[in-house]
Protein backbone atom coordinates (compact mmCIF):
# COMPACT_ATOMS: atom_id res chain seq x y z
CA MET A 1 59.86 54.80 -47.18
CA SER A 2 63.40 55.69 -46.84
CA ALA A 3 64.48 59.00 -48.47
CA GLN A 4 66.67 57.55 -50.62
CA GLY A 5 63.49 56.07 -52.24
CA MET A 6 61.64 58.53 -52.98
CA ALA A 7 63.68 59.25 -56.26
CA ARG A 8 65.91 56.90 -58.41
CA PRO A 9 68.91 58.01 -60.29
CA GLY A 10 68.02 58.67 -64.13
CA LYS A 11 70.14 57.47 -67.28
CA ALA A 12 71.42 59.50 -69.87
CA GLY A 13 68.31 58.56 -72.33
CA GLY A 14 66.82 56.13 -69.77
CA GLU A 15 63.62 55.02 -69.41
CA ALA A 16 60.57 56.17 -67.41
CA THR A 17 58.13 53.81 -65.92
CA GLY A 18 55.63 54.94 -68.41
CA LYS A 19 55.18 56.99 -71.01
CA PRO A 20 54.87 60.60 -70.48
CA ALA A 21 51.95 62.81 -71.35
CA GLY A 22 51.63 66.23 -71.58
CA LYS A 23 52.04 69.13 -73.58
CA ALA A 24 55.23 70.22 -75.89
CA PHE A 25 57.08 72.68 -74.29
CA GLY A 26 59.50 75.40 -75.48
CA ALA A 27 62.86 76.33 -74.46
CA GLU A 28 63.63 77.15 -71.08
CA GLY A 29 66.43 80.37 -70.41
CA PRO A 30 69.27 79.82 -67.92
CA GLU A 31 67.80 82.69 -65.68
CA GLY A 32 64.41 80.73 -65.15
CA PRO A 33 62.46 79.70 -62.11
CA GLN A 34 63.69 77.14 -59.23
CA GLY A 35 63.03 73.64 -60.92
CA THR A 36 64.17 74.93 -64.34
CA HIS A 37 67.74 76.75 -63.66
CA GLY A 38 70.03 76.21 -66.57
CA MET A 39 67.97 73.34 -68.43
CA GLU A 40 67.23 73.14 -71.74
CA GLY A 41 63.66 73.31 -72.70
CA PRO A 42 61.58 70.16 -71.62
CA GLU A 43 60.37 67.71 -74.68
CA ARG A 44 56.97 67.27 -72.74
CA THR A 45 55.30 68.54 -69.60
CA GLU A 46 52.61 67.15 -67.51
CA ARG A 47 50.89 69.10 -64.50
CA VAL A 48 49.01 67.87 -61.52
CA CYS A 49 47.60 69.75 -58.94
CA ALA A 50 46.08 68.89 -55.34
CA PRO A 51 45.34 72.21 -53.20
CA PRO A 52 47.56 74.24 -52.05
CA LEU A 53 50.21 72.87 -54.77
CA GLY A 54 50.55 71.88 -57.86
CA LEU A 55 53.34 70.46 -59.68
CA GLU A 56 54.38 70.55 -63.39
CA LEU A 57 56.55 67.71 -64.88
CA LEU A 58 59.34 68.71 -67.62
CA TRP A 59 60.18 65.47 -69.13
CA ARG A 60 63.18 64.88 -71.53
CA GLY A 61 63.48 61.70 -73.14
CA GLY A 62 62.63 58.97 -70.64
CA SER A 63 64.22 61.13 -67.77
CA LEU A 64 62.46 63.83 -65.20
CA ALA A 65 64.88 67.02 -66.15
CA GLY A 66 62.86 69.41 -63.67
CA LEU A 67 59.58 70.07 -61.72
CA ARG A 68 58.05 73.81 -61.53
CA LEU A 69 56.09 74.01 -57.77
CA THR A 70 53.64 76.39 -57.61
CA ARG A 71 50.00 76.99 -55.92
CA ALA A 72 47.06 75.31 -56.85
CA GLU A 73 43.28 75.88 -55.76
CA ALA A 74 41.77 72.96 -57.72
CA SER A 75 42.85 69.67 -58.26
CA HIS A 76 44.02 68.73 -61.46
CA LEU A 77 44.93 65.45 -63.17
CA GLU A 78 44.97 64.81 -66.80
CA PRO A 79 42.99 61.34 -68.00
CA ASP A 80 46.17 60.11 -70.21
CA ALA A 81 48.80 61.11 -67.14
CA SER A 82 51.84 58.99 -66.96
CA PRO A 83 52.22 56.08 -63.70
CA GLU A 84 54.83 59.00 -62.28
CA ALA A 85 52.28 62.12 -62.80
CA ARG A 86 49.31 59.69 -60.96
CA ALA A 87 51.62 58.93 -58.03
CA LEU A 88 52.62 62.23 -57.46
CA HIS A 89 49.23 63.40 -57.35
CA ALA A 90 48.37 61.03 -54.50
CA ALA A 91 51.59 62.13 -52.85
CA LEU A 92 50.03 65.58 -52.87
CA LEU A 93 47.01 64.71 -51.74
CA ARG A 94 48.57 63.19 -48.51
CA LEU A 95 50.88 66.32 -48.12
CA GLY A 96 47.64 68.47 -48.17
CA GLN A 97 46.07 66.35 -45.26
CA LYS A 98 49.47 66.91 -43.24
CA ARG A 99 50.63 63.39 -43.93
CA PRO A 100 54.08 62.27 -45.03
CA ALA A 101 53.86 62.57 -49.03
CA ASP A 102 55.95 59.36 -49.61
CA PHE A 103 56.89 60.27 -52.99
CA PRO A 104 57.41 57.74 -55.53
CA PRO A 105 60.67 56.75 -57.35
CA LEU A 106 61.19 59.25 -60.45
CA PRO A 107 63.18 58.48 -63.01
CA LEU A 108 65.15 62.23 -62.15
CA ALA A 109 67.77 63.16 -65.10
CA TRP A 110 70.81 63.14 -62.44
CA GLU A 111 73.19 63.36 -65.43
CA LEU A 112 72.52 67.13 -66.22
CA VAL A 113 73.41 68.21 -62.61
CA PRO A 114 76.73 69.43 -61.81
CA PRO A 115 79.03 67.42 -59.45
CA PHE A 116 78.98 69.80 -56.44
CA THR A 117 75.10 70.06 -56.67
CA ARG A 118 74.01 66.81 -57.00
CA GLN A 119 76.32 65.57 -54.13
CA VAL A 120 74.30 68.16 -51.84
CA LEU A 121 71.15 67.43 -53.23
CA GLU A 122 71.99 63.64 -52.81
CA THR A 123 72.82 64.09 -49.46
CA LEU A 124 69.75 66.38 -48.53
CA LEU A 125 67.07 63.82 -49.91
CA ALA A 126 68.93 60.75 -48.15
CA ARG A 127 69.70 62.88 -45.00
CA VAL A 128 66.94 65.49 -44.24
CA GLY A 129 63.24 63.23 -43.81
CA HIS A 130 59.96 64.82 -43.50
CA GLY A 131 59.43 66.77 -40.60
CA GLN A 132 63.42 67.73 -40.35
CA ARG A 133 64.95 70.58 -41.06
CA VAL A 134 69.00 71.45 -41.28
CA THR A 135 70.87 74.69 -41.95
CA TYR A 136 73.10 75.40 -44.86
CA GLY A 137 76.03 74.92 -42.96
CA GLU A 138 74.49 71.59 -41.09
CA LEU A 139 74.09 70.04 -45.03
CA ALA A 140 77.26 71.42 -45.99
CA ALA A 141 78.70 69.39 -43.28
CA LEU A 142 76.75 66.18 -43.90
CA ALA A 143 77.86 66.29 -47.29
CA GLY A 144 81.50 66.39 -46.72
CA HIS A 145 82.13 70.10 -47.04
CA PRO A 146 82.21 71.69 -43.90
CA GLY A 147 82.47 75.53 -43.87
CA LYS A 148 80.77 75.93 -47.56
CA ALA A 149 77.19 77.11 -46.42
CA ARG A 150 77.43 79.52 -49.23
CA ALA A 151 78.18 77.61 -51.94
CA VAL A 152 75.34 74.63 -50.52
CA GLY A 153 72.91 77.76 -51.07
CA GLN A 154 73.53 78.52 -54.34
CA ALA A 155 73.46 74.21 -55.05
CA MET A 156 69.82 74.63 -53.38
CA ALA A 157 68.80 77.44 -56.01
CA ARG A 158 70.05 75.21 -58.88
CA ASN A 159 67.55 72.36 -57.63
CA PRO A 160 65.89 71.11 -60.65
CA TRP A 161 63.14 68.79 -58.49
CA PRO A 162 61.70 71.50 -55.74
CA LEU A 163 59.61 69.47 -52.94
CA ILE A 164 61.11 66.13 -54.59
CA VAL A 165 64.22 67.08 -53.61
CA PRO A 166 63.37 69.20 -50.49
CA CYS A 167 65.34 72.27 -50.64
CA HIS A 168 62.36 73.93 -48.60
CA ARG A 169 63.90 71.82 -45.44
CA VAL A 170 67.40 73.71 -45.85
CA LEU A 171 67.37 77.21 -43.18
CA GLY A 172 69.60 79.86 -42.59
CA ALA A 173 71.95 80.33 -39.87
CA GLY A 174 70.05 79.51 -36.00
CA GLY A 175 66.83 78.34 -38.09
CA CYS A 176 66.15 81.51 -40.13
CA LEU A 177 63.64 81.38 -43.06
CA THR A 178 65.48 82.58 -45.91
CA GLY A 179 67.13 81.56 -49.55
CA TYR A 180 64.03 80.35 -51.80
CA THR A 181 64.10 81.15 -55.19
CA ASN A 182 60.64 80.00 -56.16
CA PRO A 183 58.61 82.70 -57.81
CA HIS A 184 56.16 82.22 -54.74
CA GLY A 185 58.95 83.16 -52.81
CA LEU A 186 59.67 82.67 -48.48
CA PRO A 187 55.49 82.46 -47.96
CA LEU A 188 55.59 79.07 -49.93
CA LYS A 189 58.64 77.77 -48.21
CA GLU A 190 57.04 78.59 -44.78
CA LEU A 191 53.52 76.83 -46.20
CA LEU A 192 55.80 73.23 -46.90
CA LEU A 193 57.11 74.08 -43.71
CA GLN A 194 53.95 73.85 -42.16
CA MET A 195 52.30 71.32 -43.93
CA GLU A 196 54.79 69.00 -42.88
CA SER A 197 54.39 69.68 -39.36
CA GLY A 198 51.51 67.39 -39.25
CA PRO A 199 52.13 63.94 -37.63
CA ALA A 200 55.37 62.02 -38.81
CA ARG A 201 53.49 58.61 -39.57
CA ASP A 202 50.02 57.23 -39.42
């Protein structure tokens, strides 16, 4: 599956392929963790876990407004989980085995993302695949903005969909491990890169 096939752009008020399930969720402030930066509170949430990772899906209408990426010690999938949540659970299981996750198409709410950030994130999703890495400067050039490595770093910090849009694959100059705003910090970024260092395909 191509990187572009991992996620499809969401529509304003668009439709998901299945009815989101989960609990109601309150407002999230503008200084929230990676995956929720600057977004209004989701209407519903779902959580899926497949050690060592967990994802909380933040739904607004029929679109996926954000994700929270966490560590997880036990597998979890609600009985009434949406098709998207079930597909993400399967993808996390594959990734835990150091296999390509092949994330499913998702109704990402791209319309909520500022134009520059959206362009950079879409370039990352399309051009930097499983097992690949890129520096902030290289990603800036790929997105048509050479010399704007710092702005690209800021765009990565505002990524609403960590792991799905793989900001963990973006490294500092010289390939140094830096700049991961997830609450679990750089150790989680390092773990994700290690998990993707297995075989490219079966």
